[in-house]
Amino acid sequence: MAMIYVRTKPGRRAWYEGRVIPEDKFIPVTDTPSVRRLIDHWGDIEVEGDAKPKAKPSQQPPAPQPAKAKEQ
């Protein structure tokens, strides 16, 4: 699994593997669904850099655009 660097936001407290995540420095943690929930849903921790998972491109072709009516 990928490792990400996180720290808690001021005034928040979060745990990872039985230890408190500090708010003064970033620590490496495994990018698991529970850690993602702390980041995305609760907002308790912040991620160093841009470590958000990138969306997969769609496998479907784009939908056809409707034809514009001519103005007379």
Protein backbone atom coordinates (compact mmCIF):
# COMPACT_ATOMS: atom_id res chain seq x y z
CA MET A 1 0.00 0.00 0.00
CA ALA A 2 1.04 3.58 -0.60
CA MET A 3 2.35 5.72 2.22
CA ILE A 4 1.14 9.29 2.75
CA TYR A 5 2.30 11.93 5.20
CA VAL A 6 -0.36 13.37 7.51
CA ARG A 7 -0.77 15.52 10.61
CA THR A 8 -3.81 16.53 12.62
CA LYS A 9 -5.43 19.90 12.22
CA PRO A 10 -5.17 22.27 15.20
CA GLY A 11 -7.75 21.46 17.85
CA ARG A 12 -8.35 17.93 16.52
CA ARG A 13 -7.11 14.55 17.70
CA ALA A 14 -6.74 11.42 15.60
CA TRP A 15 -5.14 8.04 16.20
CA TYR A 16 -3.28 5.68 13.90
CA GLU A 17 -2.26 2.21 15.07
CA GLY A 18 -2.84 3.11 18.72
CA ARG A 19 -0.77 6.31 18.64
CA VAL A 20 -1.87 9.92 18.43
CA ILE A 21 -1.05 11.65 15.13
CA PRO A 22 0.85 14.85 16.05
CA GLU A 23 -0.23 18.28 14.85
CA ASP A 24 3.26 19.80 14.65
CA LYS A 25 4.87 17.45 12.12
CA PHE A 26 3.89 15.13 9.29
CA ILE A 27 4.24 11.39 9.87
CA PRO A 28 4.03 8.54 7.35
CA VAL A 29 0.91 6.37 7.48
CA THR A 30 -0.49 3.70 5.19
CA ASP A 31 -3.16 5.02 2.82
CA THR A 32 -6.08 2.91 4.07
CA PRO A 33 -9.84 3.48 3.86
CA SER A 34 -9.95 4.48 7.55
CA VAL A 35 -7.22 7.10 7.05
CA ARG A 36 -9.03 8.37 3.92
CA ARG A 37 -12.20 8.73 6.01
CA LEU A 38 -10.32 10.88 8.54
CA ILE A 39 -9.12 13.06 5.65
CA ASP A 40 -12.19 13.29 3.44
CA HIS A 41 -15.19 12.86 5.74
CA TRP A 42 -14.21 14.07 9.19
CA GLY A 43 -11.50 16.52 8.17
CA ASP A 44 -9.41 15.66 11.25
CA ILE A 45 -6.10 15.32 9.42
CA GLU A 46 -4.38 17.05 6.53
CA VAL A 47 -2.13 15.53 3.89
CA GLU A 48 1.29 16.84 2.92
CA GLY A 49 1.37 17.71 -0.76
CA ASP A 50 -1.27 16.54 -3.21
CA ALA A 51 -1.78 12.88 -2.31
CA LYS A 52 -5.43 12.62 -3.31
CA PRO A 53 -6.20 9.58 -5.42
CA LYS A 54 -6.56 10.47 -9.07
CA ALA A 55 -9.85 9.65 -10.74
CA LYS A 56 -9.74 6.91 -13.32
CA PRO A 57 -10.61 8.06 -16.83
CA SER A 58 -14.00 6.97 -18.07
CA GLN A 59 -14.10 3.92 -20.31
CA GLN A 60 -17.18 5.21 -22.11
CA PRO A 61 -16.99 7.49 -25.15
CA PRO A 62 -18.27 11.02 -24.55
CA ALA A 63 -21.98 11.58 -25.08
CA PRO A 64 -22.93 13.29 -28.35
CA GLN A 65 -23.68 16.99 -28.06
CA PRO A 66 -27.15 18.12 -29.11
CA ALA A 67 -27.26 20.12 -32.32
CA LYS A 68 -27.79 23.83 -31.85
CA ALA A 69 -30.81 25.33 -33.58
CA LYS A 70 -30.09 28.01 -36.19
CA GLU A 71 -31.20 31.49 -35.31
CA GLN A 72 -33.26 33.21 -38.03
